[in-house]
Amino acid sequence: MTTLHIEHAVTDFATWKQAFDRFAGLRATAGVRRHVISRPVDDAAYVVIDLEFDDRRAAASFLDILRTRIWATPDSSPALVGAPLTRVLERDEAHPG
């Protein structure tokens, strides 16, 4: 399992979330198996997203799509503040509970 981990500030979470939801089909086509959206308890204007993929190549490919097609266009990424921080992570271990 590979995770594309993304962090960035937003001006308005509801606006950002509407834009995120518009790309559900693109995420599915790109191989996103699951996503988790979190926000720090002390900063409602910051978003942390984990997108899970089957492999590293799919995660890297989707990151390229985000950088060139989504984040590069203000209409596609309203409420985004600055450049997102990203990392492609590979799971070493997972434990239930």
C-alpha atoms as a PDB file:
ATOM      1  CA  MET A   1       0.000   0.000   0.000  1.00  0.00           C
ATOM      2  CA  THR A   2       1.302   3.436  -0.947  1.00  0.00           C
ATOM      3  CA  THR A   3      -0.015   6.732   0.421  1.00  0.00           C
ATOM      4  CA  LEU A   4       0.188  10.146  -1.180  1.00  0.00           C
ATOM      5  CA  HIS A   5       0.305  12.448   1.845  1.00  0.00           C
ATOM      6  CA  ILE A   6      -0.672  16.081   1.192  1.00  0.00           C
ATOM      7  CA  GLU A   7      -0.780  19.064   3.556  1.00  0.00           C
ATOM      8  CA  HIS A   8      -1.778  22.658   2.872  1.00  0.00           C
ATOM      9  CA  ALA A   9      -3.513  25.718   4.228  1.00  0.00           C
ATOM     10  CA  VAL A  10      -6.953  26.753   2.958  1.00  0.00           C
ATOM     11  CA  THR A  11      -8.866  30.006   3.123  1.00  0.00           C
ATOM     12  CA  ASP A  12     -12.214  28.245   3.545  1.00  0.00           C
ATOM     13  CA  PHE A  13     -12.659  24.530   4.227  1.00  0.00           C
ATOM     14  CA  ALA A  14     -16.188  24.277   2.747  1.00  0.00           C
ATOM     15  CA  THR A  15     -15.039  25.822  -0.552  1.00  0.00           C
ATOM     16  CA  TRP A  16     -11.995  23.574  -0.639  1.00  0.00           C
ATOM     17  CA  LYS A  17     -14.105  20.472   0.131  1.00  0.00           C
ATOM     18  CA  GLN A  18     -16.531  21.221  -2.707  1.00  0.00           C
ATOM     19  CA  ALA A  19     -13.592  21.387  -5.121  1.00  0.00           C
ATOM     20  CA  PHE A  20     -12.112  18.179  -3.669  1.00  0.00           C
ATOM     21  CA  ASP A  21     -15.435  16.377  -4.132  1.00  0.00           C
ATOM     22  CA  ARG A  22     -15.662  17.482  -7.789  1.00  0.00           C
ATOM     23  CA  PHE A  23     -12.600  15.351  -8.548  1.00  0.00           C
ATOM     24  CA  ALA A  24     -13.910  12.081  -7.067  1.00  0.00           C
ATOM     25  CA  GLY A  25     -14.109  10.494 -10.520  1.00  0.00           C
ATOM     26  CA  LEU A  26     -10.573  11.548 -11.391  1.00  0.00           C
ATOM     27  CA  ARG A  27      -9.297  10.071  -8.127  1.00  0.00           C
ATOM     28  CA  ALA A  28     -11.065   6.773  -8.810  1.00  0.00           C
ATOM     29  CA  THR A  29      -9.735   6.603 -12.370  1.00  0.00           C
ATOM     30  CA  ALA A  30      -6.212   7.336 -11.102  1.00  0.00           C
ATOM     31  CA  GLY A  31      -6.372   4.409  -8.695  1.00  0.00           C
ATOM     32  CA  VAL A  32      -7.139   6.063  -5.349  1.00  0.00           C
ATOM     33  CA  ARG A  33      -8.463   3.236  -3.172  1.00  0.00           C
ATOM     34  CA  ARG A  34      -9.294   5.295  -0.098  1.00  0.00           C
ATOM     35  CA  HIS A  35      -8.892   8.832   1.142  1.00  0.00           C
ATOM     36  CA  VAL A  36      -8.740  10.352   4.597  1.00  0.00           C
ATOM     37  CA  ILE A  37      -9.128  14.094   5.246  1.00  0.00           C
ATOM     38  CA  SER A  38      -7.962  15.465   8.597  1.00  0.00           C
ATOM     39  CA  ARG A  39      -7.479  18.890  10.141  1.00  0.00           C
ATOM     40  CA  PRO A  40      -5.362  19.846  13.130  1.00  0.00           C
ATOM     41  CA  VAL A  41      -7.490  20.472  16.213  1.00  0.00           C
ATOM     42  CA  ASP A  42      -5.875  23.882  16.630  1.00  0.00           C
ATOM     43  CA  ASP A  43      -6.000  25.008  12.965  1.00  0.00           C
ATOM     44  CA  ALA A  44      -9.268  24.619  11.034  1.00  0.00           C
ATOM     45  CA  ALA A  45      -7.663  26.370   8.053  1.00  0.00           C
ATOM     46  CA  TYR A  46      -5.162  23.550   7.439  1.00  0.00           C
ATOM     47  CA  VAL A  47      -5.921  20.267   5.662  1.00  0.00           C
ATOM     48  CA  VAL A  48      -4.094  16.946   5.709  1.00  0.00           C
ATOM     49  CA  ILE A  49      -5.086  14.433   3.039  1.00  0.00           C
ATOM     50  CA  ASP A  50      -3.952  10.829   2.664  1.00  0.00           C
ATOM     51  CA  LEU A  51      -4.744   9.141  -0.640  1.00  0.00           C
ATOM     52  CA  GLU A  52      -4.106   5.383  -0.723  1.00  0.00           C
ATOM     53  CA  PHE A  53      -2.951   3.575  -3.868  1.00  0.00           C
ATOM     54  CA  ASP A  54      -1.942   0.023  -4.710  1.00  0.00           C
ATOM     55  CA  ASP A  55       1.560   1.077  -5.725  1.00  0.00           C
ATOM     56  CA  ARG A  56       4.115   3.862  -5.822  1.00  0.00           C
ATOM     57  CA  ARG A  57       3.818   4.452  -9.572  1.00  0.00           C
ATOM     58  CA  ALA A  58       0.086   5.252  -9.346  1.00  0.00           C
ATOM     59  CA  ALA A  59       0.686   7.654  -6.441  1.00  0.00           C
ATOM     60  CA  ALA A  60       3.480   9.461  -8.298  1.00  0.00           C
ATOM     61  CA  SER A  61       1.367   9.687 -11.447  1.00  0.00           C
ATOM     62  CA  PHE A  62      -1.548  11.202  -9.552  1.00  0.00           C
ATOM     63  CA  LEU A  63       0.754  13.682  -7.827  1.00  0.00           C
ATOM     64  CA  ASP A  64       1.855  14.839 -11.277  1.00  0.00           C
ATOM     65  CA  ILE A  65      -1.807  15.320 -12.257  1.00  0.00           C
ATOM     66  CA  LEU A  66      -2.397  17.368  -9.115  1.00  0.00           C
ATOM     67  CA  ARG A  67       0.615  19.583  -9.777  1.00  0.00           C
ATOM     68  CA  THR A  68       0.010  20.156 -13.483  1.00  0.00           C
ATOM     69  CA  ARG A  69      -3.779  20.079 -13.858  1.00  0.00           C
ATOM     70  CA  ILE A  70      -5.383  20.826 -10.498  1.00  0.00           C
ATOM     71  CA  TRP A  71      -3.135  23.003  -8.357  1.00  0.00           C
ATOM     72  CA  ALA A  72      -1.865  24.975 -11.360  1.00  0.00           C
ATOM     73  CA  THR A  73      -5.347  26.348 -12.028  1.00  0.00           C
ATOM     74  CA  PRO A  74      -7.028  28.577  -9.416  1.00  0.00           C
ATOM     75  CA  ASP A  75     -10.487  27.579 -10.668  1.00  0.00           C
ATOM     76  CA  SER A  76      -9.652  23.929  -9.971  1.00  0.00           C
ATOM     77  CA  SER A  77      -8.166  24.610  -6.557  1.00  0.00           C
ATOM     78  CA  PRO A  78     -10.160  27.386  -4.891  1.00  0.00           C
ATOM     79  CA  ALA A  79      -9.279  28.176  -1.293  1.00  0.00           C
ATOM     80  CA  LEU A  80      -5.809  26.626  -1.657  1.00  0.00           C
ATOM     81  CA  VAL A  81      -3.118  28.723   0.037  1.00  0.00           C
ATOM     82  CA  GLY A  82       0.424  28.351  -1.229  1.00  0.00           C
ATOM     83  CA  ALA A  83       2.113  25.227  -2.489  1.00  0.00           C
ATOM     84  CA  PRO A  84       1.025  21.959  -0.886  1.00  0.00           C
ATOM     85  CA  LEU A  85       3.560  19.828   0.958  1.00  0.00           C
ATOM     86  CA  THR A  86       3.564  16.292  -0.420  1.00  0.00           C
ATOM     87  CA  ARG A  87       5.198  12.938   0.230  1.00  0.00           C
ATOM     88  CA  VAL A  88       4.734   9.501  -1.224  1.00  0.00           C
ATOM     89  CA  LEU A  89       4.826   7.003   1.655  1.00  0.00           C
ATOM     90  CA  GLU A  90       5.053   3.231   1.656  1.00  0.00           C
ATOM     91  CA  ARG A  91       3.493   1.385   4.575  1.00  0.00           C
ATOM     92  CA  ASP A  92       5.931  -0.769   6.493  1.00  0.00           C
ATOM     93  CA  GLU A  93       3.551  -2.023   9.116  1.00  0.00           C
ATOM     94  CA  ALA A  94      -0.068  -1.781  10.207  1.00  0.00           C
ATOM     95  CA  HIS A  95      -1.782  -3.089  13.324  1.00  0.00           C
ATOM     96  CA  PRO A  96      -5.493  -3.285  14.019  1.00  0.00           C
ATOM     97  CA  GLY A  97      -6.677  -1.295  16.988  1.00  0.00           C
END
